[in-house]
Amino acid sequence: MVGESPFYANILVSDISRARAFYEGVLGVAPLRIAESEVVYRSGGTQFAISRVGDAGPTVHTVGSFIVTDIESAASDLRGRGVVLEQYDLPGLRTVNGIATFAGDGAALPDRVAWFRDPDGNLLSIVQEGSS
């Protein structure tokens, strides 16, 4: 069944070289396959690709999330690599030092999320599930 199969995400970028510098150099993700207009990466047990298109631009929604075990450490590492975490102060969404905490529906511990953007403005996040 499709619902039991791994899911492969594709992130649209306008400049493969610039995107590779970010995903490989800043985020530290190693490429599996490199083509002229697409690079496939493995992160943890999943794969995703960046694909060149002419009109890639900022997204208003999260296009992908990296699941981490220590969001404070991951956020600090990203900041040290020059990544700017998004800051929000909206009804129902407030970040403190770039990290939002959500009480899940019936979850014993809340989830914590921090968002950031790639060079094309794609919104990505780091997520610590069920954190204290």
N, C-alpha and C. Protein backbone atom coordinates (compact mmCIF):
# COMPACT_ATOMS: atom_id res chain seq x y z
N MET A 1 0.82 -1.19 0.00
CA MET A 1 0.00 0.00 0.00
C MET A 1 0.87 1.25 0.00
N VAL A 2 0.38 2.28 -0.62
CA VAL A 2 1.10 3.54 -0.67
C VAL A 2 1.31 4.10 0.73
N GLY A 3 0.31 3.97 1.60
CA GLY A 3 0.40 4.50 2.95
C GLY A 3 1.46 3.84 3.81
N GLU A 4 2.03 2.75 3.34
CA GLU A 4 3.09 2.07 4.08
C GLU A 4 4.45 2.24 3.42
N SER A 5 4.49 3.06 2.39
CA SER A 5 5.72 3.26 1.63
C SER A 5 6.44 4.52 2.09
N PRO A 6 7.76 4.56 1.96
CA PRO A 6 8.49 5.80 2.28
C PRO A 6 8.00 6.94 1.39
N PHE A 7 8.06 8.15 1.92
CA PHE A 7 7.63 9.34 1.18
C PHE A 7 8.86 10.15 0.79
N TYR A 8 8.89 10.61 -0.42
CA TYR A 8 10.02 11.33 -1.00
C TYR A 8 9.57 12.76 -1.30
N ALA A 9 10.21 13.75 -0.71
CA ALA A 9 9.86 15.15 -0.93
C ALA A 9 10.77 15.77 -1.96
N ASN A 10 10.25 16.76 -2.68
CA ASN A 10 11.00 17.46 -3.70
C ASN A 10 10.91 18.96 -3.43
N ILE A 11 12.05 19.61 -3.19
CA ILE A 11 12.10 21.03 -2.87
C ILE A 11 12.58 21.79 -4.10
N LEU A 12 11.79 22.77 -4.53
CA LEU A 12 12.11 23.52 -5.74
C LEU A 12 13.07 24.66 -5.44
N VAL A 13 14.12 24.76 -6.26
CA VAL A 13 15.14 25.79 -6.09
C VAL A 13 15.43 26.43 -7.44
N SER A 14 15.96 27.65 -7.42
CA SER A 14 16.26 28.34 -8.67
C SER A 14 17.71 28.17 -9.11
N ASP A 15 18.60 27.83 -8.17
CA ASP A 15 20.02 27.72 -8.47
C ASP A 15 20.58 26.49 -7.74
N ILE A 16 20.88 25.45 -8.50
CA ILE A 16 21.35 24.19 -7.90
C ILE A 16 22.65 24.39 -7.12
N SER A 17 23.59 25.13 -7.67
CA SER A 17 24.88 25.32 -6.98
C SER A 17 24.69 26.02 -5.64
N ARG A 18 23.90 27.08 -5.63
CA ARG A 18 23.64 27.81 -4.38
C ARG A 18 22.89 26.93 -3.38
N ALA A 19 21.92 26.17 -3.86
CA ALA A 19 21.16 25.28 -2.99
C ALA A 19 22.05 24.17 -2.43
N ARG A 20 22.93 23.63 -3.27
CA ARG A 20 23.85 22.59 -2.79
C ARG A 20 24.77 23.14 -1.70
N ALA A 21 25.25 24.35 -1.87
CA ALA A 21 26.11 24.95 -0.86
C ALA A 21 25.38 25.02 0.48
N PHE A 22 24.09 25.32 0.45
CA PHE A 22 23.30 25.40 1.68
C PHE A 22 23.02 24.00 2.25
N TYR A 23 22.43 23.12 1.45
CA TYR A 23 22.03 21.80 1.96
C TYR A 23 23.23 20.95 2.36
N GLU A 24 24.30 21.02 1.60
CA GLU A 24 25.48 20.22 1.92
C GLU A 24 26.42 20.94 2.87
N GLY A 25 26.75 22.18 2.56
CA GLY A 25 27.73 22.92 3.36
C GLY A 25 27.21 23.40 4.69
N VAL A 26 25.97 23.89 4.72
CA VAL A 26 25.40 24.44 5.95
C VAL A 26 24.67 23.37 6.76
N LEU A 27 23.77 22.63 6.10
CA LEU A 27 23.00 21.61 6.82
C LEU A 27 23.75 20.30 6.98
N GLY A 28 24.75 20.06 6.16
CA GLY A 28 25.57 18.85 6.30
C GLY A 28 24.94 17.59 5.75
N VAL A 29 24.04 17.72 4.77
CA VAL A 29 23.39 16.57 4.16
C VAL A 29 24.22 16.12 2.96
N ALA A 30 24.50 14.82 2.87
CA ALA A 30 25.33 14.30 1.78
C ALA A 30 24.47 13.86 0.59
N PRO A 31 24.89 14.20 -0.63
CA PRO A 31 24.11 13.81 -1.81
C PRO A 31 24.25 12.32 -2.11
N LEU A 32 23.14 11.74 -2.59
CA LEU A 32 23.14 10.36 -3.07
C LEU A 32 23.34 10.31 -4.58
N ARG A 33 22.61 11.19 -5.28
CA ARG A 33 22.68 11.25 -6.73
C ARG A 33 22.69 12.72 -7.14
N ILE A 34 23.54 13.01 -8.12
CA ILE A 34 23.66 14.38 -8.61
C ILE A 34 23.40 14.39 -10.11
N ALA A 35 22.44 15.19 -10.53
CA ALA A 35 22.15 15.39 -11.95
C ALA A 35 22.21 16.89 -12.22
N GLU A 36 22.10 17.25 -13.47
CA GLU A 36 22.22 18.67 -13.84
C GLU A 36 21.15 19.53 -13.16
N SER A 37 19.94 19.04 -13.08
CA SER A 37 18.86 19.87 -12.53
C SER A 37 18.24 19.29 -11.25
N GLU A 38 18.88 18.28 -10.67
CA GLU A 38 18.33 17.68 -9.44
C GLU A 38 19.45 17.02 -8.63
N VAL A 39 19.33 17.13 -7.32
CA VAL A 39 20.23 16.42 -6.41
C VAL A 39 19.36 15.71 -5.38
N VAL A 40 19.63 14.42 -5.18
CA VAL A 40 18.89 13.62 -4.21
C VAL A 40 19.77 13.43 -2.98
N TYR A 41 19.16 13.63 -1.81
CA TYR A 41 19.86 13.52 -0.53
C TYR A 41 19.22 12.45 0.34
N ARG A 42 20.01 11.90 1.26
CA ARG A 42 19.49 11.03 2.31
C ARG A 42 19.73 11.74 3.63
N SER A 43 18.68 11.81 4.44
CA SER A 43 18.78 12.40 5.77
C SER A 43 18.10 11.44 6.73
N GLY A 44 18.89 10.88 7.64
CA GLY A 44 18.32 9.84 8.49
C GLY A 44 17.90 8.67 7.61
N GLY A 45 16.70 8.18 7.77
CA GLY A 45 16.22 7.06 6.96
C GLY A 45 15.37 7.50 5.79
N THR A 46 15.36 8.78 5.45
CA THR A 46 14.51 9.27 4.36
C THR A 46 15.35 9.92 3.28
N GLN A 47 14.69 10.19 2.17
CA GLN A 47 15.34 10.89 1.07
C GLN A 47 14.51 12.11 0.68
N PHE A 48 15.19 13.10 0.12
CA PHE A 48 14.51 14.24 -0.47
C PHE A 48 15.39 14.76 -1.60
N ALA A 49 14.80 15.57 -2.46
CA ALA A 49 15.55 16.12 -3.58
C ALA A 49 15.38 17.63 -3.63
N ILE A 50 16.37 18.28 -4.24
CA ILE A 50 16.21 19.65 -4.65
C ILE A 50 16.19 19.62 -6.17
N SER A 51 15.25 20.34 -6.75
CA SER A 51 15.11 20.36 -8.21
C SER A 51 15.06 21.79 -8.71
N ARG A 52 15.82 22.06 -9.76
CA ARG A 52 15.87 23.40 -10.32
C ARG A 52 14.64 23.67 -11.18
N VAL A 53 14.02 24.82 -10.90
CA VAL A 53 12.91 25.32 -11.71
C VAL A 53 13.15 26.81 -11.90
N GLY A 54 12.52 27.38 -12.89
CA GLY A 54 12.75 28.78 -13.18
C GLY A 54 12.09 29.75 -12.21
N ASP A 55 11.05 29.31 -11.54
CA ASP A 55 10.30 30.25 -10.72
C ASP A 55 10.21 29.83 -9.25
N ALA A 56 11.26 29.26 -8.72
CA ALA A 56 11.26 28.91 -7.30
C ALA A 56 11.23 30.19 -6.49
N GLY A 57 10.52 30.16 -5.41
CA GLY A 57 10.43 31.36 -4.59
C GLY A 57 10.01 31.01 -3.19
N PRO A 58 9.87 32.01 -2.35
CA PRO A 58 9.53 31.77 -0.95
C PRO A 58 8.22 31.01 -0.79
N THR A 59 8.21 30.10 0.16
CA THR A 59 6.98 29.37 0.48
C THR A 59 6.39 29.94 1.76
N VAL A 60 5.08 29.80 1.90
CA VAL A 60 4.41 30.27 3.11
C VAL A 60 4.15 29.11 4.07
N HIS A 61 4.44 27.91 3.61
CA HIS A 61 4.24 26.72 4.44
C HIS A 61 5.56 25.95 4.56
N THR A 62 5.65 25.11 5.56
CA THR A 62 6.85 24.30 5.76
C THR A 62 6.91 23.21 4.70
N VAL A 63 8.01 23.14 3.96
CA VAL A 63 8.14 22.14 2.90
C VAL A 63 8.81 20.87 3.40
N GLY A 64 9.46 20.92 4.55
CA GLY A 64 10.11 19.74 5.11
C GLY A 64 10.64 20.01 6.49
N SER A 65 10.72 18.95 7.28
CA SER A 65 11.18 19.06 8.67
C SER A 65 12.23 18.01 8.96
N PHE A 66 13.25 18.41 9.69
CA PHE A 66 14.27 17.50 10.17
C PHE A 66 13.91 17.16 11.62
N ILE A 67 13.72 15.90 11.94
CA ILE A 67 13.38 15.47 13.29
C ILE A 67 14.68 15.34 14.07
N VAL A 68 14.76 16.07 15.19
CA VAL A 68 15.97 16.08 16.01
C VAL A 68 15.64 15.62 17.42
N THR A 69 16.66 15.19 18.15
CA THR A 69 16.44 14.76 19.54
C THR A 69 16.71 15.87 20.54
N ASP A 70 17.46 16.90 20.13
CA ASP A 70 17.78 18.02 21.02
C ASP A 70 17.67 19.31 20.21
N ILE A 71 16.52 19.93 20.27
CA ILE A 71 16.27 21.12 19.43
C ILE A 71 17.15 22.30 19.83
N GLU A 72 17.43 22.44 21.11
CA GLU A 72 18.30 23.54 21.54
C GLU A 72 19.68 23.42 20.90
N SER A 73 20.23 22.22 20.92
CA SER A 73 21.54 21.98 20.34
C SER A 73 21.51 22.16 18.82
N ALA A 74 20.46 21.63 18.18
CA ALA A 74 20.34 21.75 16.73
C ALA A 74 20.17 23.21 16.32
N ALA A 75 19.37 23.96 17.06
CA ALA A 75 19.16 25.38 16.77
C ALA A 75 20.47 26.15 16.93
N SER A 76 21.19 25.85 17.99
CA SER A 76 22.48 26.51 18.23
C SER A 76 23.46 26.20 17.10
N ASP A 77 23.50 24.95 16.67
CA ASP A 77 24.38 24.55 15.58
C ASP A 77 24.01 25.31 14.30
N LEU A 78 22.71 25.38 13.99
CA LEU A 78 22.29 26.10 12.79
C LEU A 78 22.68 27.58 12.86
N ARG A 79 22.44 28.20 14.02
CA ARG A 79 22.82 29.61 14.18
C ARG A 79 24.32 29.79 13.97
N GLY A 80 25.11 28.85 14.49
CA GLY A 80 26.57 28.90 14.34
C GLY A 80 27.01 28.78 12.89
N ARG A 81 26.14 28.21 12.06
CA ARG A 81 26.44 28.06 10.63
C ARG A 81 25.84 29.19 9.81
N GLY A 82 25.31 30.20 10.51
CA GLY A 82 24.78 31.38 9.82
C GLY A 82 23.30 31.33 9.48
N VAL A 83 22.60 30.28 9.92
CA VAL A 83 21.17 30.17 9.63
C VAL A 83 20.40 31.06 10.61
N VAL A 84 19.45 31.81 10.08
CA VAL A 84 18.61 32.67 10.90
C VAL A 84 17.28 31.96 11.15
N LEU A 85 16.95 31.76 12.41
CA LEU A 85 15.67 31.14 12.75
C LEU A 85 14.56 32.17 12.64
N GLU A 86 13.42 31.74 12.12
CA GLU A 86 12.26 32.62 12.00
C GLU A 86 11.73 32.95 13.39
N GLN A 87 11.22 34.15 13.55
CA GLN A 87 10.64 34.58 14.82
C GLN A 87 9.16 34.87 14.58
N TYR A 88 8.30 34.35 15.45
CA TYR A 88 6.87 34.58 15.32
C TYR A 88 6.30 35.04 16.65
N ASP A 89 5.36 35.96 16.58
CA ASP A 89 4.60 36.40 17.75
C ASP A 89 3.17 36.65 17.28
N LEU A 90 2.45 35.56 17.08
CA LEU A 90 1.10 35.58 16.55
C LEU A 90 0.17 34.84 17.51
N PRO A 91 -1.11 35.08 17.41
CA PRO A 91 -2.03 34.28 18.24
C PRO A 91 -1.86 32.78 17.92
N GLY A 92 -1.54 32.01 18.91
CA GLY A 92 -1.35 30.58 18.73
C GLY A 92 0.02 30.16 18.26
N LEU A 93 0.88 31.10 17.96
CA LEU A 93 2.24 30.77 17.51
C LEU A 93 3.22 31.84 17.99
N ARG A 94 4.00 31.48 18.96
CA ARG A 94 5.01 32.41 19.51
C ARG A 94 6.31 31.64 19.68
N THR A 95 7.38 32.20 19.17
CA THR A 95 8.69 31.59 19.35
C THR A 95 9.44 32.32 20.46
N VAL A 96 10.24 31.57 21.18
CA VAL A 96 11.14 32.12 22.18
C VAL A 96 12.53 31.66 21.77
N ASN A 97 13.38 32.63 21.44
CA ASN A 97 14.71 32.32 20.93
C ASN A 97 14.63 31.42 19.68
N GLY A 98 13.59 31.67 18.87
CA GLY A 98 13.43 30.93 17.62
C GLY A 98 12.71 29.61 17.73
N ILE A 99 12.28 29.21 18.91
CA ILE A 99 11.67 27.89 19.10
C ILE A 99 10.25 28.05 19.65
N ALA A 100 9.30 27.38 19.01
CA ALA A 100 7.91 27.36 19.45
C ALA A 100 7.63 26.05 20.16
N THR A 101 6.77 26.10 21.17
CA THR A 101 6.38 24.89 21.90
C THR A 101 4.88 24.71 21.73
N PHE A 102 4.48 23.49 21.36
CA PHE A 102 3.07 23.16 21.14
C PHE A 102 2.67 22.02 22.05
N ALA A 103 1.58 22.20 22.77
CA ALA A 103 1.01 21.10 23.56
C ALA A 103 0.15 20.29 22.61
N GLY A 104 0.55 19.07 22.37
CA GLY A 104 -0.18 18.21 21.45
C GLY A 104 -1.51 17.74 22.03
N ASP A 105 -2.36 17.27 21.17
CA ASP A 105 -3.66 16.74 21.60
C ASP A 105 -3.46 15.48 22.42
N GLY A 106 -3.54 15.63 23.72
CA GLY A 106 -3.41 14.47 24.60
C GLY A 106 -2.00 13.96 24.76
N ALA A 107 -1.03 14.64 24.16
CA ALA A 107 0.36 14.19 24.27
C ALA A 107 0.89 14.50 25.67
N ALA A 108 1.68 13.59 26.19
CA ALA A 108 2.25 13.77 27.52
C ALA A 108 3.25 14.92 27.53
N LEU A 109 3.99 15.07 26.47
CA LEU A 109 5.00 16.13 26.37
C LEU A 109 4.77 16.94 25.10
N PRO A 110 5.09 18.22 25.13
CA PRO A 110 4.87 19.05 23.94
C PRO A 110 5.92 18.82 22.85
N ASP A 111 5.55 19.21 21.64
CA ASP A 111 6.49 19.23 20.53
C ASP A 111 7.11 20.62 20.47
N ARG A 112 8.36 20.70 20.01
CA ARG A 112 9.03 21.98 19.85
C ARG A 112 9.51 22.09 18.41
N VAL A 113 9.36 23.29 17.83
CA VAL A 113 9.66 23.50 16.42
C VAL A 113 10.40 24.82 16.24
N ALA A 114 11.38 24.81 15.33
CA ALA A 114 12.05 26.04 14.92
C ALA A 114 12.10 26.05 13.39
N TRP A 115 11.79 27.19 12.79
CA TRP A 115 11.74 27.30 11.35
C TRP A 115 12.89 28.15 10.83
N PHE A 116 13.31 27.85 9.60
CA PHE A 116 14.35 28.61 8.91
C PHE A 116 14.13 28.47 7.42
N ARG A 117 14.85 29.27 6.64
CA ARG A 117 14.66 29.27 5.18
C ARG A 117 15.95 28.91 4.45
N ASP A 118 15.77 28.25 3.31
CA ASP A 118 16.91 27.99 2.44
C ASP A 118 17.12 29.23 1.57
N PRO A 119 18.14 29.25 0.70
CA PRO A 119 18.42 30.46 -0.09
C PRO A 119 17.27 30.90 -1.00
N ASP A 120 16.38 29.99 -1.39
CA ASP A 120 15.23 30.36 -2.22
C ASP A 120 14.02 30.78 -1.40
N GLY A 121 14.13 30.71 -0.08
CA GLY A 121 13.01 31.09 0.77
C GLY A 121 12.09 29.94 1.11
N ASN A 122 12.49 28.71 0.77
CA ASN A 122 11.70 27.55 1.18
C ASN A 122 11.74 27.44 2.70
N LEU A 123 10.58 27.30 3.32
CA LEU A 123 10.51 27.22 4.77
C LEU A 123 10.73 25.78 5.22
N LEU A 124 11.76 25.58 6.03
CA LEU A 124 12.13 24.28 6.58
C LEU A 124 12.03 24.37 8.09
N SER A 125 12.05 23.23 8.77
CA SER A 125 12.03 23.28 10.23
C SER A 125 12.84 22.15 10.83
N ILE A 126 13.17 22.36 12.10
CA ILE A 126 13.68 21.28 12.94
C ILE A 126 12.60 21.05 13.99
N VAL A 127 12.35 19.78 14.30
CA VAL A 127 11.27 19.41 15.20
C VAL A 127 11.80 18.44 16.25
N GLN A 128 11.49 18.71 17.50
CA GLN A 128 11.76 17.75 18.57
C GLN A 128 10.40 17.29 19.07
N GLU A 129 10.09 16.06 18.82
CA GLU A 129 8.78 15.53 19.20
C GLU A 129 8.75 15.11 20.65
N GLY A 130 7.65 15.39 21.31
CA GLY A 130 7.46 14.95 22.70
C GLY A 130 8.58 15.39 23.62
N SER A 131 8.95 16.66 23.57
CA SER A 131 10.03 17.16 24.39
C SER A 131 9.48 17.79 25.66
N SER A 132 10.34 17.95 26.64
CA SER A 132 9.89 18.53 27.89
C SER A 132 10.17 20.00 27.95
